[in-house]
Amino acid sequence: MTYFITVSLNGDFYHRMILSIQPVTDKHISDVHKRLNQVIEIVESKKKRLADIEASMFVSYLNPNNRWNVIRRTLKCGLIDQISSSQKSINLIKQDISRFEEIYLQLSNDLVNLKAIQKRLEYSKTFKGKYFHVLGHFFSLYCIWKIFISFINIVFNRVGKGNFK
């Protein structure tokens, strides 16, 4: 079993909240895959719908044989209304597509992060991973010791005194 760290957005900065560590299983990764595939299907359907609307708008505008287009061209008010309503729907679909593409990017980043964390935790179960874990604790204690000794040297004014004459 692997773990991942929940990331929350606070302003422009990401804060890693270690207190909310949750287990990552293969089910989590497959769920993200499913969501990613759903978003891809939604984006494809919206792009297809957009292309259909643009094509139908182009064909209806250029078709000289249609009697209604001749009347609309002469009156011009109906054609403008039709173009403006089609343009509004096109803009809405484009906004939806851009939103879903942002969701797609976020989900793909989450998937990559989940896989990386899963690999990292699998590596930590090996002998080499355990060795580096113990070594990390040792150097952490060494660093704390050096900070403590530096603090003592500053407090008792033993800073900068050497064997200089």
N, C-alpha and C. Protein backbone atom coordinates (compact mmCIF):
# COMPACT_ATOMS: atom_id res chain seq x y z
N MET A 1 0.84 -1.16 0.00
CA MET A 1 0.00 0.00 0.00
C MET A 1 0.89 1.24 0.00
N THR A 2 0.51 2.23 -0.77
CA THR A 2 1.27 3.46 -0.85
C THR A 2 0.42 4.61 -0.31
N TYR A 3 1.06 5.76 -0.12
CA TYR A 3 0.37 6.92 0.44
C TYR A 3 0.62 8.12 -0.44
N PHE A 4 -0.32 9.03 -0.45
CA PHE A 4 -0.09 10.29 -1.12
C PHE A 4 -0.46 11.43 -0.20
N ILE A 5 0.07 12.59 -0.50
CA ILE A 5 -0.15 13.77 0.33
C ILE A 5 -1.20 14.63 -0.37
N THR A 6 -2.22 15.00 0.35
CA THR A 6 -3.27 15.84 -0.20
C THR A 6 -2.70 17.24 -0.42
N VAL A 7 -2.98 17.79 -1.59
CA VAL A 7 -2.49 19.12 -1.92
C VAL A 7 -3.69 20.04 -2.04
N SER A 8 -3.65 21.16 -1.33
CA SER A 8 -4.73 22.12 -1.41
C SER A 8 -4.19 23.43 -1.95
N LEU A 9 -5.05 24.16 -2.64
CA LEU A 9 -4.66 25.43 -3.24
C LEU A 9 -5.08 26.55 -2.30
N ASN A 10 -4.10 27.36 -1.88
CA ASN A 10 -4.38 28.49 -1.01
C ASN A 10 -3.74 29.70 -1.66
N GLY A 11 -4.54 30.50 -2.35
CA GLY A 11 -3.98 31.62 -3.10
C GLY A 11 -3.24 31.07 -4.31
N ASP A 12 -1.97 31.45 -4.44
CA ASP A 12 -1.16 30.97 -5.55
C ASP A 12 -0.19 29.88 -5.12
N PHE A 13 -0.23 29.50 -3.89
CA PHE A 13 0.75 28.56 -3.37
C PHE A 13 0.12 27.22 -3.04
N TYR A 14 0.86 26.16 -3.29
CA TYR A 14 0.41 24.83 -2.90
C TYR A 14 0.98 24.53 -1.53
N HIS A 15 0.14 24.02 -0.66
CA HIS A 15 0.58 23.64 0.66
C HIS A 15 0.41 22.14 0.80
N ARG A 16 1.46 21.46 1.13
CA ARG A 16 1.38 20.03 1.34
C ARG A 16 0.99 19.79 2.79
N MET A 17 -0.09 19.11 2.97
CA MET A 17 -0.59 18.87 4.31
C MET A 17 -0.25 17.43 4.70
N ILE A 18 0.77 17.29 5.50
CA ILE A 18 1.26 15.97 5.88
C ILE A 18 0.26 15.27 6.78
N LEU A 19 -0.55 16.03 7.48
CA LEU A 19 -1.49 15.42 8.41
C LEU A 19 -2.60 14.65 7.70
N SER A 20 -2.83 14.93 6.44
CA SER A 20 -3.92 14.27 5.72
C SER A 20 -3.40 13.22 4.76
N ILE A 21 -2.45 12.42 5.18
CA ILE A 21 -1.92 11.35 4.34
C ILE A 21 -2.96 10.26 4.21
N GLN A 22 -3.20 9.86 2.97
CA GLN A 22 -4.19 8.82 2.71
C GLN A 22 -3.54 7.71 1.90
N PRO A 23 -4.01 6.48 2.05
CA PRO A 23 -3.41 5.39 1.28
C PRO A 23 -3.78 5.46 -0.20
N VAL A 24 -2.84 5.12 -1.07
CA VAL A 24 -3.07 5.08 -2.51
C VAL A 24 -3.03 3.61 -2.93
N THR A 25 -4.09 3.17 -3.55
CA THR A 25 -4.13 1.81 -4.04
C THR A 25 -4.26 1.84 -5.56
N ASP A 26 -4.24 0.67 -6.15
CA ASP A 26 -4.44 0.60 -7.59
C ASP A 26 -5.85 1.06 -7.97
N LYS A 27 -6.78 0.93 -7.05
CA LYS A 27 -8.15 1.40 -7.30
C LYS A 27 -8.18 2.92 -7.47
N HIS A 28 -7.39 3.65 -6.66
CA HIS A 28 -7.33 5.10 -6.80
C HIS A 28 -6.82 5.47 -8.20
N ILE A 29 -5.79 4.79 -8.63
CA ILE A 29 -5.21 5.09 -9.94
C ILE A 29 -6.20 4.74 -11.05
N SER A 30 -6.90 3.61 -10.93
CA SER A 30 -7.87 3.25 -11.96
C SER A 30 -9.05 4.23 -11.97
N ASP A 31 -9.45 4.75 -10.79
CA ASP A 31 -10.51 5.75 -10.74
C ASP A 31 -10.10 7.03 -11.46
N VAL A 32 -8.86 7.44 -11.26
CA VAL A 32 -8.38 8.64 -11.95
C VAL A 32 -8.33 8.40 -13.45
N HIS A 33 -7.93 7.17 -13.86
CA HIS A 33 -7.95 6.81 -15.29
C HIS A 33 -9.36 6.91 -15.85
N LYS A 34 -10.34 6.40 -15.12
CA LYS A 34 -11.73 6.46 -15.58
C LYS A 34 -12.20 7.90 -15.73
N ARG A 35 -11.90 8.73 -14.73
CA ARG A 35 -12.29 10.14 -14.80
C ARG A 35 -11.61 10.84 -15.97
N LEU A 36 -10.35 10.49 -16.20
CA LEU A 36 -9.60 11.07 -17.31
C LEU A 36 -10.23 10.68 -18.64
N ASN A 37 -10.61 9.42 -18.79
CA ASN A 37 -11.26 8.97 -20.02
C ASN A 37 -12.62 9.64 -20.21
N GLN A 38 -13.37 9.84 -19.12
CA GLN A 38 -14.65 10.53 -19.23
C GLN A 38 -14.47 11.96 -19.70
N VAL A 39 -13.47 12.64 -19.17
CA VAL A 39 -13.22 14.03 -19.57
C VAL A 39 -12.80 14.08 -21.04
N ILE A 40 -11.99 13.12 -21.48
CA ILE A 40 -11.58 13.08 -22.88
C ILE A 40 -12.80 12.90 -23.78
N GLU A 41 -13.71 12.00 -23.40
CA GLU A 41 -14.92 11.78 -24.20
C GLU A 41 -15.79 13.03 -24.24
N ILE A 42 -15.90 13.72 -23.13
CA ILE A 42 -16.71 14.95 -23.08
C ILE A 42 -16.10 16.01 -23.99
N VAL A 43 -14.78 16.17 -23.94
CA VAL A 43 -14.12 17.17 -24.78
C VAL A 43 -14.30 16.83 -26.25
N GLU A 44 -14.15 15.56 -26.60
CA GLU A 44 -14.33 15.15 -28.00
C GLU A 44 -15.75 15.41 -28.48
N SER A 45 -16.74 15.08 -27.64
CA SER A 45 -18.13 15.31 -28.05
C SER A 45 -18.43 16.80 -28.20
N LYS A 46 -17.89 17.61 -27.31
CA LYS A 46 -18.12 19.06 -27.41
C LYS A 46 -17.44 19.63 -28.65
N LYS A 47 -16.24 19.15 -28.96
CA LYS A 47 -15.56 19.63 -30.17
C LYS A 47 -16.31 19.20 -31.42
N LYS A 48 -16.86 18.01 -31.41
CA LYS A 48 -17.65 17.54 -32.55
C LYS A 48 -18.91 18.38 -32.70
N ARG A 49 -19.55 18.67 -31.58
CA ARG A 49 -20.75 19.51 -31.60
C ARG A 49 -20.43 20.91 -32.12
N LEU A 50 -19.30 21.45 -31.69
CA LEU A 50 -18.87 22.77 -32.15
C LEU A 50 -18.64 22.77 -33.66
N ALA A 51 -17.96 21.74 -34.15
CA ALA A 51 -17.71 21.65 -35.59
C ALA A 51 -19.02 21.51 -36.37
N ASP A 52 -19.98 20.75 -35.83
CA ASP A 52 -21.27 20.61 -36.50
C ASP A 52 -22.02 21.93 -36.56
N ILE A 53 -22.01 22.69 -35.47
CA ILE A 53 -22.69 23.99 -35.45
C ILE A 53 -22.05 24.95 -36.43
N GLU A 54 -20.72 24.99 -36.43
CA GLU A 54 -20.03 25.90 -37.35
C GLU A 54 -20.27 25.50 -38.80
N ALA A 55 -20.27 24.19 -39.07
CA ALA A 55 -20.50 23.74 -40.44
C ALA A 55 -21.93 24.04 -40.88
N SER A 56 -22.91 23.80 -40.02
CA SER A 56 -24.30 24.08 -40.38
C SER A 56 -24.53 25.57 -40.56
N MET A 57 -23.89 26.37 -39.76
CA MET A 57 -24.02 27.82 -39.89
C MET A 57 -23.41 28.29 -41.21
N PHE A 58 -22.28 27.73 -41.57
CA PHE A 58 -21.61 28.10 -42.81
C PHE A 58 -22.42 27.66 -44.02
N VAL A 59 -22.95 26.44 -43.98
CA VAL A 59 -23.72 25.91 -45.11
C VAL A 59 -25.02 26.67 -45.27
N SER A 60 -25.72 26.95 -44.17
CA SER A 60 -26.99 27.67 -44.28
C SER A 60 -26.78 29.10 -44.76
N TYR A 61 -25.67 29.69 -44.45
CA TYR A 61 -25.41 31.06 -44.88
C TYR A 61 -25.05 31.11 -46.36
N LEU A 62 -24.32 30.12 -46.84
CA LEU A 62 -23.84 30.16 -48.22
C LEU A 62 -24.76 29.48 -49.22
N ASN A 63 -25.77 28.79 -48.78
CA ASN A 63 -26.65 28.07 -49.69
C ASN A 63 -27.57 29.05 -50.41
N PRO A 64 -27.30 29.33 -51.69
CA PRO A 64 -28.13 30.31 -52.41
C PRO A 64 -29.47 29.73 -52.86
N ASN A 65 -29.61 28.43 -52.89
CA ASN A 65 -30.85 27.80 -53.37
C ASN A 65 -31.96 27.83 -52.33
N ASN A 66 -31.63 28.03 -51.09
CA ASN A 66 -32.63 28.05 -50.04
C ASN A 66 -33.42 29.35 -50.12
N ARG A 67 -34.73 29.22 -50.24
CA ARG A 67 -35.58 30.41 -50.37
C ARG A 67 -35.54 31.28 -49.13
N TRP A 68 -35.44 30.66 -47.96
CA TRP A 68 -35.44 31.42 -46.72
C TRP A 68 -34.18 32.26 -46.60
N ASN A 69 -33.05 31.75 -47.08
CA ASN A 69 -31.82 32.54 -47.02
C ASN A 69 -31.91 33.78 -47.89
N VAL A 70 -32.60 33.68 -49.03
CA VAL A 70 -32.78 34.85 -49.89
C VAL A 70 -33.61 35.90 -49.16
N ILE A 71 -34.66 35.45 -48.51
CA ILE A 71 -35.52 36.39 -47.78
C ILE A 71 -34.74 36.99 -46.60
N ARG A 72 -33.99 36.17 -45.90
CA ARG A 72 -33.20 36.68 -44.77
C ARG A 72 -32.15 37.68 -45.22
N ARG A 73 -31.55 37.38 -46.38
CA ARG A 73 -30.52 38.32 -46.87
C ARG A 73 -31.15 39.65 -47.24
N THR A 74 -32.33 39.60 -47.77
CA THR A 74 -32.96 40.86 -48.13
C THR A 74 -33.41 41.62 -46.89
N LEU A 75 -33.89 40.89 -45.87
CA LEU A 75 -34.32 41.55 -44.65
C LEU A 75 -33.16 41.79 -43.69
N LYS A 76 -32.18 40.90 -43.69
CA LYS A 76 -30.95 40.94 -42.90
C LYS A 76 -31.16 40.88 -41.40
N CYS A 77 -32.29 41.14 -40.90
CA CYS A 77 -32.50 41.11 -39.45
C CYS A 77 -32.56 39.68 -38.95
N GLY A 78 -33.24 38.80 -39.65
CA GLY A 78 -33.33 37.41 -39.23
C GLY A 78 -31.98 36.72 -39.29
N LEU A 79 -31.19 37.04 -40.30
CA LEU A 79 -29.87 36.44 -40.44
C LEU A 79 -28.95 36.87 -39.31
N ILE A 80 -29.03 38.11 -38.93
CA ILE A 80 -28.21 38.62 -37.85
C ILE A 80 -28.59 37.95 -36.53
N ASP A 81 -29.90 37.78 -36.31
CA ASP A 81 -30.35 37.10 -35.10
C ASP A 81 -29.87 35.66 -35.06
N GLN A 82 -29.95 34.98 -36.23
CA GLN A 82 -29.52 33.59 -36.29
C GLN A 82 -28.01 33.49 -36.03
N ILE A 83 -27.23 34.37 -36.62
CA ILE A 83 -25.78 34.35 -36.43
C ILE A 83 -25.44 34.67 -34.99
N SER A 84 -26.11 35.65 -34.40
CA SER A 84 -25.79 36.02 -33.02
C SER A 84 -26.15 34.90 -32.05
N SER A 85 -27.28 34.20 -32.26
CA SER A 85 -27.63 33.09 -31.37
C SER A 85 -26.66 31.93 -31.57
N SER A 86 -26.26 31.67 -32.81
CA SER A 86 -25.28 30.61 -33.07
C SER A 86 -23.93 30.99 -32.48
N GLN A 87 -23.58 32.25 -32.56
CA GLN A 87 -22.30 32.72 -32.01
C GLN A 87 -22.29 32.59 -30.48
N LYS A 88 -23.42 32.84 -29.84
CA LYS A 88 -23.50 32.68 -28.39
C LYS A 88 -23.32 31.22 -27.99
N SER A 89 -23.97 30.32 -28.72
CA SER A 89 -23.82 28.90 -28.40
C SER A 89 -22.39 28.43 -28.69
N ILE A 90 -21.78 28.95 -29.73
CA ILE A 90 -20.39 28.60 -30.03
C ILE A 90 -19.47 29.08 -28.92
N ASN A 91 -19.69 30.28 -28.44
CA ASN A 91 -18.85 30.80 -27.34
C ASN A 91 -19.03 29.98 -26.07
N LEU A 92 -20.27 29.59 -25.76
CA LEU A 92 -20.51 28.76 -24.58
C LEU A 92 -19.81 27.40 -24.71
N ILE A 93 -19.88 26.81 -25.87
CA ILE A 93 -19.23 25.51 -26.07
C ILE A 93 -17.72 25.65 -25.97
N LYS A 94 -17.17 26.73 -26.51
CA LYS A 94 -15.72 26.95 -26.41
C LYS A 94 -15.29 27.14 -24.95
N GLN A 95 -16.10 27.84 -24.16
CA GLN A 95 -15.79 27.99 -22.74
C GLN A 95 -15.83 26.64 -22.02
N ASP A 96 -16.84 25.83 -22.35
CA ASP A 96 -16.92 24.49 -21.76
C ASP A 96 -15.70 23.65 -22.13
N ILE A 97 -15.30 23.73 -23.38
CA ILE A 97 -14.13 22.96 -23.83
C ILE A 97 -12.88 23.39 -23.08
N SER A 98 -12.70 24.69 -22.91
CA SER A 98 -11.50 25.16 -22.20
C SER A 98 -11.54 24.72 -20.72
N ARG A 99 -12.71 24.73 -20.11
CA ARG A 99 -12.82 24.26 -18.72
C ARG A 99 -12.50 22.78 -18.60
N PHE A 100 -13.05 21.99 -19.51
CA PHE A 100 -12.79 20.56 -19.46
C PHE A 100 -11.34 20.23 -19.79
N GLU A 101 -10.70 21.04 -20.63
CA GLU A 101 -9.28 20.82 -20.91
C GLU A 101 -8.44 21.13 -19.67
N GLU A 102 -8.83 22.14 -18.89
CA GLU A 102 -8.14 22.42 -17.62
C GLU A 102 -8.31 21.26 -16.64
N ILE A 103 -9.52 20.71 -16.60
CA ILE A 103 -9.77 19.55 -15.74
C ILE A 103 -8.92 18.37 -16.19
N TYR A 104 -8.82 18.19 -17.51
CA TYR A 104 -8.00 17.11 -18.05
C TYR A 104 -6.54 17.27 -17.63
N LEU A 105 -6.02 18.48 -17.73
CA LEU A 105 -4.62 18.71 -17.33
C LEU A 105 -4.41 18.43 -15.85
N GLN A 106 -5.35 18.85 -15.01
CA GLN A 106 -5.23 18.61 -13.58
C GLN A 106 -5.30 17.12 -13.26
N LEU A 107 -6.22 16.41 -13.91
CA LEU A 107 -6.33 14.97 -13.67
C LEU A 107 -5.09 14.22 -14.15
N SER A 108 -4.54 14.64 -15.29
CA SER A 108 -3.33 13.96 -15.78
C SER A 108 -2.16 14.23 -14.84
N ASN A 109 -2.07 15.45 -14.31
CA ASN A 109 -1.01 15.74 -13.33
C ASN A 109 -1.20 14.92 -12.05
N ASP A 110 -2.45 14.79 -11.61
CA ASP A 110 -2.72 13.97 -10.43
C ASP A 110 -2.35 12.52 -10.66
N LEU A 111 -2.63 12.02 -11.85
CA LEU A 111 -2.31 10.64 -12.18
C LEU A 111 -0.80 10.41 -12.17
N VAL A 112 -0.07 11.34 -12.76
CA VAL A 112 1.40 11.23 -12.77
C VAL A 112 1.94 11.28 -11.34
N ASN A 113 1.40 12.18 -10.52
CA ASN A 113 1.85 12.28 -9.13
C ASN A 113 1.54 11.01 -8.34
N LEU A 114 0.35 10.45 -8.54
CA LEU A 114 -0.01 9.23 -7.83
C LEU A 114 0.92 8.07 -8.21
N LYS A 115 1.22 7.96 -9.50
CA LYS A 115 2.12 6.89 -9.94
C LYS A 115 3.53 7.10 -9.39
N ALA A 116 3.99 8.35 -9.36
CA ALA A 116 5.33 8.64 -8.83
C ALA A 116 5.40 8.33 -7.34
N ILE A 117 4.37 8.68 -6.60
CA ILE A 117 4.36 8.41 -5.17
C ILE A 117 4.29 6.91 -4.92
N GLN A 118 3.52 6.20 -5.74
CA GLN A 118 3.44 4.75 -5.60
C GLN A 118 4.80 4.10 -5.86
N LYS A 119 5.52 4.56 -6.89
CA LYS A 119 6.86 4.02 -7.16
C LYS A 119 7.83 4.35 -6.04
N ARG A 120 7.74 5.58 -5.52
CA ARG A 120 8.64 6.00 -4.45
C ARG A 120 8.44 5.16 -3.20
N LEU A 121 7.19 4.88 -2.88
CA LEU A 121 6.93 4.07 -1.70
C LEU A 121 7.26 2.60 -1.91
N GLU A 122 7.14 2.11 -3.13
CA GLU A 122 7.60 0.75 -3.42
C GLU A 122 9.12 0.67 -3.27
N TYR A 123 9.81 1.73 -3.70
CA TYR A 123 11.27 1.79 -3.55
C TYR A 123 11.66 1.83 -2.08
N SER A 124 10.85 2.51 -1.26
CA SER A 124 11.18 2.62 0.16
C SER A 124 11.07 1.28 0.89
N LYS A 125 10.42 0.31 0.30
CA LYS A 125 10.30 -1.01 0.92
C LYS A 125 11.50 -1.91 0.62
N THR A 126 12.36 -1.49 -0.31
CA THR A 126 13.55 -2.28 -0.62
C THR A 126 14.63 -2.01 0.42
N PHE A 127 15.71 -2.82 0.38
CA PHE A 127 16.80 -2.64 1.33
C PHE A 127 17.47 -1.28 1.15
N LYS A 128 17.68 -0.90 -0.11
CA LYS A 128 18.30 0.39 -0.39
C LYS A 128 17.43 1.55 0.11
N GLY A 129 16.12 1.43 -0.05
CA GLY A 129 15.21 2.46 0.44
C GLY A 129 15.23 2.57 1.95
N LYS A 130 15.26 1.42 2.62
CA LYS A 130 15.32 1.44 4.08
C LYS A 130 16.64 2.02 4.57
N TYR A 131 17.72 1.71 3.84
CA TYR A 131 19.05 2.24 4.19
C TYR A 131 19.05 3.76 4.09
N PHE A 132 18.52 4.30 3.01
CA PHE A 132 18.48 5.76 2.85
C PHE A 132 17.54 6.40 3.88
N HIS A 133 16.51 5.71 4.27
CA HIS A 133 15.61 6.23 5.29
C HIS A 133 16.33 6.37 6.63
N VAL A 134 17.07 5.33 7.02
CA VAL A 134 17.84 5.39 8.28
C VAL A 134 18.93 6.45 8.18
N LEU A 135 19.59 6.52 7.03
CA LEU A 135 20.63 7.52 6.82
C LEU A 135 20.06 8.94 6.91
N GLY A 136 18.85 9.13 6.40
CA GLY A 136 18.19 10.43 6.49
C GLY A 136 17.92 10.82 7.93
N HIS A 137 17.49 9.86 8.75
CA HIS A 137 17.28 10.15 10.17
C HIS A 137 18.59 10.50 10.86
N PHE A 138 19.64 9.78 10.52
CA PHE A 138 20.95 10.06 11.12
C PHE A 138 21.41 11.48 10.80
N PHE A 139 21.31 11.86 9.51
CA PHE A 139 21.75 13.21 9.14
C PHE A 139 20.83 14.29 9.70
N SER A 140 19.58 13.98 9.89
CA SER A 140 18.68 14.94 10.55
C SER A 140 19.13 15.20 11.98
N LEU A 141 19.45 14.13 12.70
CA LEU A 141 19.93 14.29 14.08
C LEU A 141 21.28 15.04 14.10
N TYR A 142 22.15 14.73 13.12
CA TYR A 142 23.44 15.42 13.03
C TYR A 142 23.24 16.91 12.79
N CYS A 143 22.29 17.26 11.94
CA CYS A 143 22.01 18.66 11.65
C CYS A 143 21.47 19.37 12.90
N ILE A 144 20.58 18.72 13.62
CA ILE A 144 20.05 19.30 14.86
C ILE A 144 21.18 19.50 15.87
N TRP A 145 22.09 18.53 15.96
CA TRP A 145 23.24 18.64 16.85
C TRP A 145 24.11 19.84 16.47
N LYS A 146 24.38 20.02 15.17
CA LYS A 146 25.22 21.15 14.73
C LYS A 146 24.53 22.48 15.04
N ILE A 147 23.24 22.56 14.87
CA ILE A 147 22.51 23.79 15.18
C ILE A 147 22.59 24.07 16.68
N PHE A 148 22.42 23.05 17.50
CA PHE A 148 22.50 23.20 18.95
C PHE A 148 23.89 23.67 19.38
N ILE A 149 24.93 23.06 18.83
CA ILE A 149 26.30 23.45 19.18
C ILE A 149 26.59 24.87 18.71
N SER A 150 26.10 25.25 17.54
CA SER A 150 26.30 26.63 17.07
C SER A 150 25.61 27.62 17.99
N PHE A 151 24.43 27.29 18.45
CA PHE A 151 23.70 28.14 19.38
C PHE A 151 24.49 28.29 20.69
N ILE A 152 25.02 27.20 21.21
CA ILE A 152 25.82 27.24 22.45
C ILE A 152 27.05 28.09 22.23
N ASN A 153 27.72 27.96 21.12
CA ASN A 153 28.92 28.76 20.83
C ASN A 153 28.60 30.24 20.75
N ILE A 154 27.44 30.59 20.21
CA ILE A 154 27.06 32.00 20.12
C ILE A 154 26.71 32.53 21.50
N VAL A 155 25.97 31.77 22.29
CA VAL A 155 25.54 32.22 23.62
C VAL A 155 26.74 32.43 24.53
N PHE A 156 27.70 31.52 24.52
CA PHE A 156 28.86 31.64 25.41
C PHE A 156 30.04 32.35 24.75
N ASN A 157 29.76 33.06 23.68
CA ASN A 157 30.73 33.93 23.01
C ASN A 157 32.01 33.18 22.64
N ARG A 158 31.87 32.00 22.10
CA ARG A 158 33.02 31.25 21.64
C ARG A 158 33.14 31.33 20.13
N VAL A 159 32.51 32.33 19.52
CA VAL A 159 32.49 32.48 18.08
C VAL A 159 33.68 33.32 17.65
N GLY A 160 34.39 32.90 16.64
CA GLY A 160 35.46 33.69 16.06
C GLY A 160 36.78 33.66 16.80
N LYS A 161 36.89 32.91 17.84
CA LYS A 161 38.16 32.83 18.57
C LYS A 161 38.92 31.60 18.08
N GLY A 162 40.10 31.85 17.60
CA GLY A 162 40.92 30.75 17.12
C GLY A 162 42.33 30.88 17.60
N ASN A 163 43.27 30.22 17.00
CA ASN A 163 44.67 30.26 17.37
C ASN A 163 45.42 31.32 16.58
N PHE A 164 44.83 32.47 16.43
CA PHE A 164 45.47 33.55 15.69
C PHE A 164 46.26 34.43 16.64
N LYS A 165 47.41 34.91 16.19
CA LYS A 165 48.24 35.78 17.02
C LYS A 165 48.40 37.13 16.40
